[in-house]
Amino acid sequence: MSEEAIWHILVVLPWGVFVTYWIAGSTKTRANAQKEPFLSRFVILLMEFAGYLLVFAPINFGMLRMHVIPRTIPTAILGVACTWAGIGLAIWARYHLAEYWSARITIKEGHQLIRTGPYQRLRHPIYTGLILATVGSALVIDHWRCVLGVLLITVGYCFKAKREENMLGQQFGEAFQEHRKHTGFLFPKYL
């Protein structure tokens, strides 16, 4: 097995853990009381799908196949560490959302505003974790297509987070505004 194949396995493995956890947890959620419109969801899904395809699929033509930076052991280790850390953050956040989690933007029946775990400092830790994991994977895979993929994924999650905040603001009013004062959007707020 080549060194490159080993590095790829080390960044694909955490994504497998993530998908397994997500599927297992998806059956333990509350019913939706309100959800985003289909078109809104479709556009974001399309961006995210295209982004992940660019990062992980062997699309190797033109400039997309060229390396961004020379691959070194330290950059590969950093990439694997970021991938695992990002997936860990996403799973930790998903654990704290518990029955209020949804793949789409929703308000669940009896929805509560979560302020535990990573939600003490971040309003969208799942998106932060997935972006971090994608950046880590892109560092290891190291093609220009990965840069484009990371950009699409980041923009998609930013749009999704903004729409989510609108829905949470309508649902929780002043409580959500207070939560915003003490938490960061995608980066932790410590003050």
N, C-alpha and C. Protein backbone atom coordinates (compact mmCIF):
# COMPACT_ATOMS: atom_id res chain seq x y z
N MET A 1 0.85 -1.18 0.00
CA MET A 1 0.00 0.00 0.00
C MET A 1 0.89 1.24 0.00
N SER A 2 0.56 2.19 -0.84
CA SER A 2 1.38 3.40 -0.96
C SER A 2 1.16 4.33 0.23
N GLU A 3 2.12 5.22 0.43
CA GLU A 3 2.01 6.21 1.50
C GLU A 3 0.79 7.10 1.28
N GLU A 4 0.54 7.48 0.04
CA GLU A 4 -0.62 8.32 -0.27
C GLU A 4 -1.93 7.61 0.08
N ALA A 5 -2.02 6.32 -0.20
CA ALA A 5 -3.22 5.54 0.13
C ALA A 5 -3.44 5.49 1.64
N ILE A 6 -2.37 5.37 2.40
CA ILE A 6 -2.49 5.33 3.86
C ILE A 6 -3.03 6.66 4.38
N TRP A 7 -2.51 7.78 3.87
CA TRP A 7 -3.00 9.10 4.30
C TRP A 7 -4.47 9.26 3.94
N HIS A 8 -4.86 8.79 2.77
CA HIS A 8 -6.27 8.89 2.36
C HIS A 8 -7.17 8.09 3.29
N ILE A 9 -6.74 6.91 3.67
CA ILE A 9 -7.52 6.09 4.60
C ILE A 9 -7.67 6.81 5.94
N LEU A 10 -6.60 7.46 6.39
CA LEU A 10 -6.62 8.15 7.67
C LEU A 10 -7.57 9.34 7.68
N VAL A 11 -7.90 9.91 6.50
CA VAL A 11 -8.89 11.00 6.48
C VAL A 11 -10.28 10.51 6.09
N VAL A 12 -10.38 9.37 5.44
CA VAL A 12 -11.70 8.84 5.09
C VAL A 12 -12.33 8.12 6.29
N LEU A 13 -11.52 7.48 7.11
CA LEU A 13 -12.01 6.75 8.27
C LEU A 13 -12.88 7.61 9.20
N PRO A 14 -12.45 8.81 9.59
CA PRO A 14 -13.33 9.60 10.47
C PRO A 14 -14.66 9.96 9.81
N TRP A 15 -14.65 10.14 8.49
CA TRP A 15 -15.91 10.43 7.80
C TRP A 15 -16.84 9.22 7.88
N GLY A 16 -16.29 8.02 7.85
CA GLY A 16 -17.09 6.81 8.03
C GLY A 16 -17.70 6.76 9.42
N VAL A 17 -16.92 7.13 10.43
CA VAL A 17 -17.43 7.19 11.80
C VAL A 17 -18.57 8.19 11.87
N PHE A 18 -18.37 9.34 11.26
CA PHE A 18 -19.39 10.40 11.24
C PHE A 18 -20.69 9.91 10.61
N VAL A 19 -20.61 9.32 9.44
CA VAL A 19 -21.81 8.84 8.74
C VAL A 19 -22.53 7.77 9.56
N THR A 20 -21.77 6.87 10.15
CA THR A 20 -22.36 5.82 10.97
C THR A 20 -23.11 6.41 12.17
N TYR A 21 -22.49 7.36 12.84
CA TYR A 21 -23.13 8.00 14.00
C TYR A 21 -24.38 8.75 13.57
N TRP A 22 -24.30 9.45 12.45
CA TRP A 22 -25.43 10.24 11.95
C TRP A 22 -26.62 9.34 11.61
N ILE A 23 -26.35 8.24 10.95
CA ILE A 23 -27.44 7.32 10.58
C ILE A 23 -28.06 6.71 11.83
N ALA A 24 -27.21 6.28 12.77
CA ALA A 24 -27.71 5.68 14.00
C ALA A 24 -28.56 6.66 14.80
N GLY A 25 -28.16 7.91 14.85
CA GLY A 25 -28.88 8.91 15.64
C GLY A 25 -30.09 9.50 14.96
N SER A 26 -30.21 9.32 13.66
CA SER A 26 -31.30 9.98 12.93
C SER A 26 -32.67 9.41 13.26
N THR A 27 -32.72 8.24 13.84
CA THR A 27 -34.01 7.63 14.17
C THR A 27 -34.55 8.09 15.52
N LYS A 28 -33.74 8.83 16.27
CA LYS A 28 -34.12 9.23 17.63
C LYS A 28 -34.39 10.73 17.73
N THR A 29 -35.16 11.25 16.78
CA THR A 29 -35.46 12.68 16.80
C THR A 29 -36.96 12.91 16.92
N ARG A 30 -37.29 14.09 17.35
CA ARG A 30 -38.70 14.47 17.48
C ARG A 30 -39.28 14.82 16.11
N ALA A 31 -40.59 14.85 16.05
CA ALA A 31 -41.28 15.24 14.81
C ALA A 31 -41.07 16.73 14.54
N ASN A 32 -41.11 17.10 13.28
CA ASN A 32 -40.95 18.50 12.90
C ASN A 32 -42.22 19.30 13.17
N ALA A 33 -42.03 20.48 13.74
CA ALA A 33 -43.14 21.41 13.89
C ALA A 33 -43.11 22.44 12.76
N GLN A 34 -41.89 22.72 12.27
CA GLN A 34 -41.70 23.70 11.20
C GLN A 34 -40.43 23.30 10.45
N LYS A 35 -40.41 23.45 9.12
CA LYS A 35 -39.21 23.11 8.37
C LYS A 35 -39.01 24.07 7.21
N GLU A 36 -37.77 24.13 6.75
CA GLU A 36 -37.43 25.03 5.64
C GLU A 36 -38.11 24.56 4.35
N PRO A 37 -38.31 25.49 3.42
CA PRO A 37 -38.90 25.11 2.13
C PRO A 37 -37.95 24.21 1.33
N PHE A 38 -38.51 23.38 0.46
CA PHE A 38 -37.74 22.44 -0.33
C PHE A 38 -36.67 23.13 -1.17
N LEU A 39 -37.01 24.21 -1.85
CA LEU A 39 -36.05 24.87 -2.75
C LEU A 39 -34.84 25.38 -1.99
N SER A 40 -35.06 25.95 -0.83
CA SER A 40 -33.96 26.42 0.02
C SER A 40 -33.04 25.27 0.37
N ARG A 41 -33.62 24.17 0.78
CA ARG A 41 -32.84 22.98 1.15
C ARG A 41 -32.09 22.42 -0.06
N PHE A 42 -32.74 22.38 -1.19
CA PHE A 42 -32.14 21.81 -2.39
C PHE A 42 -30.90 22.58 -2.82
N VAL A 43 -30.95 23.90 -2.80
CA VAL A 43 -29.81 24.72 -3.23
C VAL A 43 -28.61 24.47 -2.32
N ILE A 44 -28.85 24.44 -1.02
CA ILE A 44 -27.76 24.20 -0.07
C ILE A 44 -27.20 22.78 -0.24
N LEU A 45 -28.07 21.80 -0.38
CA LEU A 45 -27.61 20.42 -0.59
C LEU A 45 -26.79 20.29 -1.85
N LEU A 46 -27.20 20.98 -2.89
CA LEU A 46 -26.46 20.95 -4.14
C LEU A 46 -25.05 21.51 -3.96
N MET A 47 -24.93 22.63 -3.25
CA MET A 47 -23.61 23.22 -2.98
C MET A 47 -22.75 22.27 -2.16
N GLU A 48 -23.32 21.70 -1.12
CA GLU A 48 -22.56 20.80 -0.25
C GLU A 48 -22.15 19.53 -1.01
N PHE A 49 -23.06 18.97 -1.78
CA PHE A 49 -22.75 17.78 -2.56
C PHE A 49 -21.62 18.05 -3.54
N ALA A 50 -21.71 19.16 -4.26
CA ALA A 50 -20.66 19.52 -5.22
C ALA A 50 -19.33 19.73 -4.50
N GLY A 51 -19.37 20.37 -3.33
CA GLY A 51 -18.15 20.60 -2.56
C GLY A 51 -17.49 19.31 -2.11
N TYR A 52 -18.29 18.39 -1.54
CA TYR A 52 -17.73 17.12 -1.08
C TYR A 52 -17.26 16.27 -2.26
N LEU A 53 -17.95 16.36 -3.37
CA LEU A 53 -17.52 15.64 -4.57
C LEU A 53 -16.15 16.14 -5.03
N LEU A 54 -15.97 17.45 -5.02
CA LEU A 54 -14.67 18.02 -5.42
C LEU A 54 -13.56 17.59 -4.47
N VAL A 55 -13.85 17.52 -3.19
CA VAL A 55 -12.81 17.14 -2.23
C VAL A 55 -12.46 15.66 -2.35
N PHE A 56 -13.46 14.80 -2.43
CA PHE A 56 -13.20 13.37 -2.30
C PHE A 56 -13.19 12.56 -3.59
N ALA A 57 -13.84 13.01 -4.64
CA ALA A 57 -13.87 12.24 -5.89
C ALA A 57 -12.59 12.50 -6.68
N PRO A 58 -12.08 11.50 -7.36
CA PRO A 58 -10.84 11.67 -8.13
C PRO A 58 -11.09 12.42 -9.45
N ILE A 59 -11.46 13.69 -9.31
CA ILE A 59 -11.66 14.55 -10.47
C ILE A 59 -10.30 15.15 -10.80
N ASN A 60 -9.64 14.60 -11.78
CA ASN A 60 -8.26 14.98 -12.02
C ASN A 60 -8.04 15.43 -13.46
N PHE A 61 -8.52 16.60 -13.76
CA PHE A 61 -8.23 17.17 -15.07
C PHE A 61 -7.91 18.65 -14.92
N GLY A 62 -7.06 19.12 -15.80
CA GLY A 62 -6.66 20.52 -15.78
C GLY A 62 -6.03 20.93 -14.47
N MET A 63 -6.30 22.16 -14.10
CA MET A 63 -5.73 22.72 -12.88
C MET A 63 -6.27 22.02 -11.62
N LEU A 64 -7.45 21.43 -11.71
CA LEU A 64 -8.05 20.78 -10.54
C LEU A 64 -7.19 19.65 -9.98
N ARG A 65 -6.36 19.04 -10.83
CA ARG A 65 -5.54 17.91 -10.35
C ARG A 65 -4.20 18.35 -9.79
N MET A 66 -3.86 19.62 -9.96
CA MET A 66 -2.56 20.11 -9.50
C MET A 66 -2.54 20.25 -7.98
N HIS A 67 -1.36 20.04 -7.41
CA HIS A 67 -1.18 20.17 -5.96
C HIS A 67 -1.10 21.64 -5.58
N VAL A 68 -1.61 21.95 -4.40
CA VAL A 68 -1.61 23.32 -3.90
C VAL A 68 -0.30 23.62 -3.20
N ILE A 69 0.09 22.74 -2.30
CA ILE A 69 1.33 22.88 -1.55
C ILE A 69 2.06 21.54 -1.59
N PRO A 70 3.35 21.56 -1.44
CA PRO A 70 4.06 20.26 -1.40
C PRO A 70 3.61 19.46 -0.17
N ARG A 71 3.27 18.21 -0.38
CA ARG A 71 2.83 17.37 0.74
C ARG A 71 4.06 16.97 1.55
N THR A 72 3.95 17.23 2.83
CA THR A 72 5.00 16.83 3.77
C THR A 72 4.33 16.02 4.88
N ILE A 73 5.14 15.34 5.64
CA ILE A 73 4.61 14.58 6.77
C ILE A 73 3.89 15.51 7.75
N PRO A 74 4.49 16.67 8.12
CA PRO A 74 3.78 17.56 9.05
C PRO A 74 2.43 18.06 8.52
N THR A 75 2.34 18.41 7.21
CA THR A 75 1.04 18.87 6.70
C THR A 75 0.03 17.73 6.66
N ALA A 76 0.48 16.53 6.35
CA ALA A 76 -0.42 15.38 6.34
C ALA A 76 -0.92 15.08 7.75
N ILE A 77 -0.03 15.13 8.73
CA ILE A 77 -0.42 14.90 10.12
C ILE A 77 -1.41 15.97 10.58
N LEU A 78 -1.12 17.23 10.23
CA LEU A 78 -2.04 18.33 10.56
C LEU A 78 -3.40 18.10 9.92
N GLY A 79 -3.41 17.67 8.67
CA GLY A 79 -4.68 17.41 7.98
C GLY A 79 -5.48 16.30 8.64
N VAL A 80 -4.82 15.21 9.00
CA VAL A 80 -5.50 14.10 9.68
C VAL A 80 -6.02 14.56 11.03
N ALA A 81 -5.22 15.31 11.77
CA ALA A 81 -5.64 15.81 13.09
C ALA A 81 -6.85 16.74 12.96
N CYS A 82 -6.85 17.63 11.98
CA CYS A 82 -7.99 18.53 11.76
C CYS A 82 -9.24 17.76 11.37
N THR A 83 -9.06 16.72 10.56
CA THR A 83 -10.21 15.90 10.16
C THR A 83 -10.84 15.23 11.37
N TRP A 84 -10.01 14.57 12.18
CA TRP A 84 -10.53 13.89 13.37
C TRP A 84 -11.12 14.89 14.36
N ALA A 85 -10.46 16.03 14.56
CA ALA A 85 -10.97 17.05 15.50
C ALA A 85 -12.31 17.60 15.02
N GLY A 86 -12.42 17.87 13.74
CA GLY A 86 -13.67 18.38 13.19
C GLY A 86 -14.81 17.39 13.32
N ILE A 87 -14.54 16.13 13.00
CA ILE A 87 -15.57 15.10 13.14
C ILE A 87 -15.94 14.93 14.61
N GLY A 88 -14.94 14.97 15.48
CA GLY A 88 -15.22 14.88 16.92
C GLY A 88 -16.12 16.01 17.40
N LEU A 89 -15.85 17.24 16.95
CA LEU A 89 -16.69 18.38 17.32
C LEU A 89 -18.11 18.20 16.79
N ALA A 90 -18.25 17.77 15.56
CA ALA A 90 -19.58 17.57 14.98
C ALA A 90 -20.38 16.51 15.75
N ILE A 91 -19.71 15.43 16.11
CA ILE A 91 -20.39 14.36 16.86
C ILE A 91 -20.75 14.83 18.27
N TRP A 92 -19.84 15.56 18.91
CA TRP A 92 -20.12 16.10 20.25
C TRP A 92 -21.33 17.03 20.20
N ALA A 93 -21.37 17.88 19.18
CA ALA A 93 -22.50 18.81 19.04
C ALA A 93 -23.80 18.04 18.75
N ARG A 94 -23.72 17.05 17.90
CA ARG A 94 -24.89 16.24 17.56
C ARG A 94 -25.42 15.52 18.80
N TYR A 95 -24.51 15.05 19.65
CA TYR A 95 -24.89 14.40 20.91
C TYR A 95 -25.70 15.37 21.79
N HIS A 96 -25.26 16.63 21.86
CA HIS A 96 -25.95 17.62 22.69
C HIS A 96 -27.29 18.05 22.11
N LEU A 97 -27.41 18.04 20.80
CA LEU A 97 -28.71 18.36 20.18
C LEU A 97 -29.72 17.25 20.44
N ALA A 98 -29.23 16.03 20.49
CA ALA A 98 -30.06 14.84 20.77
C ALA A 98 -31.31 14.81 19.89
N GLU A 99 -32.47 14.80 20.51
CA GLU A 99 -33.72 14.63 19.78
C GLU A 99 -34.14 15.86 18.97
N TYR A 100 -33.42 16.97 19.11
CA TYR A 100 -33.76 18.19 18.37
C TYR A 100 -32.96 18.33 17.08
N TRP A 101 -32.11 17.36 16.79
CA TRP A 101 -31.30 17.40 15.57
C TRP A 101 -32.14 17.09 14.34
N SER A 102 -31.75 17.70 13.22
CA SER A 102 -32.35 17.38 11.93
C SER A 102 -31.34 17.71 10.84
N ALA A 103 -31.37 16.97 9.76
CA ALA A 103 -30.48 17.24 8.63
C ALA A 103 -30.92 18.51 7.90
N ARG A 104 -32.17 18.85 8.03
CA ARG A 104 -32.67 20.08 7.40
C ARG A 104 -32.96 21.10 8.49
N ILE A 105 -33.16 22.32 8.10
CA ILE A 105 -33.45 23.38 9.06
C ILE A 105 -34.89 23.19 9.53
N THR A 106 -35.04 22.92 10.83
CA THR A 106 -36.37 22.66 11.39
C THR A 106 -36.48 23.21 12.80
N ILE A 107 -37.71 23.32 13.22
CA ILE A 107 -38.04 23.48 14.63
C ILE A 107 -38.81 22.21 14.98
N LYS A 108 -38.37 21.51 15.99
CA LYS A 108 -38.99 20.26 16.41
C LYS A 108 -40.15 20.54 17.38
N GLU A 109 -41.02 19.59 17.54
CA GLU A 109 -42.08 19.72 18.53
C GLU A 109 -41.44 19.83 19.91
N GLY A 110 -41.86 20.84 20.68
CA GLY A 110 -41.30 21.04 22.02
C GLY A 110 -39.84 21.46 21.99
N HIS A 111 -39.40 22.08 20.92
CA HIS A 111 -37.99 22.42 20.71
C HIS A 111 -37.44 23.26 21.87
N GLN A 112 -36.24 22.95 22.28
CA GLN A 112 -35.52 23.70 23.31
C GLN A 112 -34.26 24.30 22.69
N LEU A 113 -33.85 25.44 23.19
CA LEU A 113 -32.60 26.06 22.76
C LEU A 113 -31.46 25.40 23.51
N ILE A 114 -30.56 24.75 22.79
CA ILE A 114 -29.47 24.00 23.41
C ILE A 114 -28.31 24.95 23.71
N ARG A 115 -27.83 24.90 24.95
CA ARG A 115 -26.72 25.75 25.39
C ARG A 115 -25.65 24.96 26.13
N THR A 116 -25.63 23.65 25.93
CA THR A 116 -24.66 22.81 26.61
C THR A 116 -23.58 22.37 25.64
N GLY A 117 -22.51 21.80 26.19
CA GLY A 117 -21.42 21.30 25.34
C GLY A 117 -20.84 22.40 24.48
N PRO A 118 -20.62 22.13 23.19
CA PRO A 118 -20.02 23.14 22.32
C PRO A 118 -20.94 24.32 22.06
N TYR A 119 -22.24 24.16 22.35
CA TYR A 119 -23.20 25.26 22.16
C TYR A 119 -23.04 26.35 23.20
N GLN A 120 -22.17 26.14 24.19
CA GLN A 120 -21.87 27.20 25.15
C GLN A 120 -21.05 28.30 24.50
N ARG A 121 -20.28 27.96 23.45
CA ARG A 121 -19.40 28.94 22.80
C ARG A 121 -19.67 29.13 21.31
N LEU A 122 -20.40 28.19 20.71
CA LEU A 122 -20.66 28.22 19.26
C LEU A 122 -22.15 28.06 19.00
N ARG A 123 -22.67 28.78 18.01
CA ARG A 123 -24.07 28.58 17.64
C ARG A 123 -24.23 27.46 16.61
N HIS A 124 -23.17 27.16 15.86
CA HIS A 124 -23.25 26.15 14.80
C HIS A 124 -22.04 25.21 14.83
N PRO A 125 -21.83 24.51 15.95
CA PRO A 125 -20.63 23.68 16.05
C PRO A 125 -20.60 22.50 15.08
N ILE A 126 -21.74 22.00 14.65
CA ILE A 126 -21.72 20.91 13.67
C ILE A 126 -21.12 21.43 12.37
N TYR A 127 -21.55 22.59 11.93
CA TYR A 127 -21.01 23.15 10.68
C TYR A 127 -19.53 23.49 10.84
N THR A 128 -19.16 24.03 11.99
CA THR A 128 -17.76 24.33 12.26
C THR A 128 -16.93 23.05 12.18
N GLY A 129 -17.41 22.00 12.82
CA GLY A 129 -16.70 20.72 12.81
C GLY A 129 -16.56 20.15 11.41
N LEU A 130 -17.63 20.21 10.63
CA LEU A 130 -17.58 19.67 9.27
C LEU A 130 -16.66 20.49 8.37
N ILE A 131 -16.66 21.80 8.55
CA ILE A 131 -15.74 22.64 7.77
C ILE A 131 -14.30 22.32 8.15
N LEU A 132 -14.02 22.22 9.45
CA LEU A 132 -12.67 21.88 9.91
C LEU A 132 -12.24 20.52 9.37
N ALA A 133 -13.13 19.53 9.43
CA ALA A 133 -12.81 18.20 8.92
C ALA A 133 -12.55 18.23 7.41
N THR A 134 -13.30 19.04 6.70
CA THR A 134 -13.11 19.16 5.25
C THR A 134 -11.78 19.83 4.93
N VAL A 135 -11.44 20.86 5.68
CA VAL A 135 -10.14 21.52 5.49
C VAL A 135 -9.01 20.52 5.75
N GLY A 136 -9.14 19.74 6.82
CA GLY A 136 -8.13 18.73 7.14
C GLY A 136 -8.00 17.71 6.02
N SER A 137 -9.12 17.22 5.53
CA SER A 137 -9.09 16.26 4.42
C SER A 137 -8.46 16.87 3.17
N ALA A 138 -8.80 18.12 2.91
CA ALA A 138 -8.23 18.81 1.75
C ALA A 138 -6.72 18.96 1.87
N LEU A 139 -6.23 19.20 3.09
CA LEU A 139 -4.77 19.29 3.29
C LEU A 139 -4.08 17.99 2.91
N VAL A 140 -4.69 16.88 3.25
CA VAL A 140 -4.08 15.58 2.96
C VAL A 140 -4.20 15.24 1.47
N ILE A 141 -5.38 15.44 0.90
CA ILE A 141 -5.60 15.10 -0.50
C ILE A 141 -4.82 16.06 -1.41
N ASP A 142 -4.83 17.34 -1.06
CA ASP A 142 -3.96 18.36 -1.66
C ASP A 142 -4.08 18.48 -3.19
N HIS A 143 -5.25 18.90 -3.64
CA HIS A 143 -5.44 19.27 -5.04
C HIS A 143 -6.23 20.57 -5.06
N TRP A 144 -6.11 21.33 -6.15
CA TRP A 144 -6.85 22.57 -6.27
C TRP A 144 -8.35 22.34 -6.22
N ARG A 145 -8.80 21.17 -6.67
CA ARG A 145 -10.23 20.87 -6.60
C ARG A 145 -10.71 20.88 -5.16
N CYS A 146 -9.83 20.51 -4.22
CA CYS A 146 -10.19 20.51 -2.80
C CYS A 146 -10.42 21.93 -2.29
N VAL A 147 -9.62 22.87 -2.77
CA VAL A 147 -9.79 24.27 -2.37
C VAL A 147 -11.18 24.76 -2.80
N LEU A 148 -11.54 24.47 -4.04
CA LEU A 148 -12.85 24.85 -4.54
C LEU A 148 -13.95 24.15 -3.74
N GLY A 149 -13.74 22.88 -3.42
CA GLY A 149 -14.71 22.13 -2.62
C GLY A 149 -14.90 22.73 -1.24
N VAL A 150 -13.81 23.08 -0.57
CA VAL A 150 -13.89 23.68 0.76
C VAL A 150 -14.66 25.00 0.69
N LEU A 151 -14.41 25.79 -0.34
CA LEU A 151 -15.13 27.06 -0.48
C LEU A 151 -16.63 26.84 -0.65
N LEU A 152 -17.01 25.90 -1.50
CA LEU A 152 -18.44 25.61 -1.71
C LEU A 152 -19.09 25.12 -0.41
N ILE A 153 -18.42 24.24 0.29
CA ILE A 153 -18.96 23.69 1.53
C ILE A 153 -19.11 24.79 2.58
N THR A 154 -18.10 25.63 2.71
CA THR A 154 -18.14 26.71 3.69
C THR A 154 -19.27 27.68 3.38
N VAL A 155 -19.40 28.08 2.12
CA VAL A 155 -20.49 28.99 1.74
C VAL A 155 -21.84 28.32 1.99
N GLY A 156 -21.97 27.05 1.64
CA GLY A 156 -23.22 26.34 1.87
C GLY A 156 -23.60 26.30 3.34
N TYR A 157 -22.64 25.98 4.21
CA TYR A 157 -22.95 25.93 5.64
C TYR A 157 -23.21 27.33 6.21
N CYS A 158 -22.57 28.34 5.68
CA CYS A 158 -22.85 29.72 6.14
C CYS A 158 -24.28 30.11 5.78
N PHE A 159 -24.70 29.83 4.55
CA PHE A 159 -26.09 30.10 4.16
C PHE A 159 -27.06 29.34 5.05
N LYS A 160 -26.77 28.07 5.27
CA LYS A 160 -27.64 27.23 6.09
C LYS A 160 -27.72 27.78 7.51
N ALA A 161 -26.58 28.16 8.07
CA ALA A 161 -26.54 28.68 9.43
C ALA A 161 -27.33 29.98 9.54
N LYS A 162 -27.24 30.85 8.55
CA LYS A 162 -27.99 32.11 8.58
C LYS A 162 -29.49 31.84 8.55
N ARG A 163 -29.91 30.91 7.71
CA ARG A 163 -31.34 30.56 7.65
C ARG A 163 -31.80 29.92 8.96
N GLU A 164 -30.94 29.11 9.52
CA GLU A 164 -31.25 28.48 10.81
C GLU A 164 -31.41 29.53 11.90
N GLU A 165 -30.53 30.53 11.88
CA GLU A 165 -30.62 31.59 12.89
C GLU A 165 -31.91 32.38 12.76
N ASN A 166 -32.36 32.61 11.53
CA ASN A 166 -33.63 33.30 11.34
C ASN A 166 -34.77 32.51 11.97
N MET A 167 -34.78 31.20 11.75
CA MET A 167 -35.84 30.36 12.30
C MET A 167 -35.75 30.30 13.83
N LEU A 168 -34.54 30.15 14.36
CA LEU A 168 -34.36 30.10 15.81
C LEU A 168 -34.73 31.44 16.46
N GLY A 169 -34.39 32.53 15.79
CA GLY A 169 -34.74 33.86 16.30
C GLY A 169 -36.24 34.05 16.38
N GLN A 170 -36.96 33.57 15.38
CA GLN A 170 -38.42 33.66 15.40
C GLN A 170 -39.01 32.79 16.50
N GLN A 171 -38.43 31.62 16.69
CA GLN A 171 -38.96 30.67 17.67
C GLN A 171 -38.65 31.10 19.11
N PHE A 172 -37.42 31.54 19.35
CA PHE A 172 -36.98 31.77 20.73
C PHE A 172 -36.82 33.24 21.09
N GLY A 173 -36.98 34.15 20.13
CA GLY A 173 -36.97 35.58 20.40
C GLY A 173 -35.79 36.07 21.22
N GLU A 174 -36.09 36.69 22.35
CA GLU A 174 -35.07 37.30 23.20
C GLU A 174 -34.06 36.28 23.74
N ALA A 175 -34.50 35.07 24.01
CA ALA A 175 -33.59 34.04 24.52
C ALA A 175 -32.51 33.73 23.49
N PHE A 176 -32.89 33.68 22.21
CA PHE A 176 -31.89 33.41 21.18
C PHE A 176 -30.97 34.62 20.99
N GLN A 177 -31.52 35.83 21.09
CA GLN A 177 -30.68 37.03 20.97
C GLN A 177 -29.65 37.09 22.10
N GLU A 178 -30.06 36.69 23.28
CA GLU A 178 -29.12 36.63 24.41
C GLU A 178 -28.05 35.57 24.17
N HIS A 179 -28.46 34.43 23.64
CA HIS A 179 -27.52 33.35 23.31
C HIS A 179 -26.50 33.84 22.27
N ARG A 180 -26.93 34.62 21.31
CA ARG A 180 -26.03 35.16 20.27
C ARG A 180 -24.96 36.06 20.87
N LYS A 181 -25.30 36.78 21.92
CA LYS A 181 -24.33 37.69 22.55
C LYS A 181 -23.15 36.95 23.16
N HIS A 182 -23.37 35.69 23.55
CA HIS A 182 -22.35 34.93 24.27
C HIS A 182 -21.71 33.82 23.46
N THR A 183 -22.11 33.69 22.20
CA THR A 183 -21.58 32.61 21.37
C THR A 183 -21.11 33.15 20.02
N GLY A 184 -20.18 32.43 19.42
CA GLY A 184 -19.71 32.79 18.10
C GLY A 184 -20.51 32.06 17.02
N PHE A 185 -20.51 32.62 15.84
CA PHE A 185 -21.26 32.04 14.71
C PHE A 185 -20.64 30.71 14.31
N LEU A 186 -19.41 30.73 13.82
CA LEU A 186 -18.68 29.51 13.46
C LEU A 186 -17.38 29.36 14.24
N PHE A 187 -16.95 30.44 14.89
CA PHE A 187 -15.74 30.41 15.72
C PHE A 187 -16.13 30.69 17.16
N PRO A 188 -15.51 30.02 18.11
CA PRO A 188 -15.89 30.20 19.52
C PRO A 188 -15.73 31.65 19.98
N LYS A 189 -16.61 32.04 20.86
CA LYS A 189 -16.55 33.37 21.48
C LYS A 189 -16.21 33.14 22.94
N TYR A 190 -15.11 33.69 23.38
CA TYR A 190 -14.64 33.42 24.74
C TYR A 190 -14.87 34.55 25.71
N LEU A 191 -15.25 35.70 25.22
CA LEU A 191 -15.45 36.83 26.14
C LEU A 191 -16.89 37.05 26.47
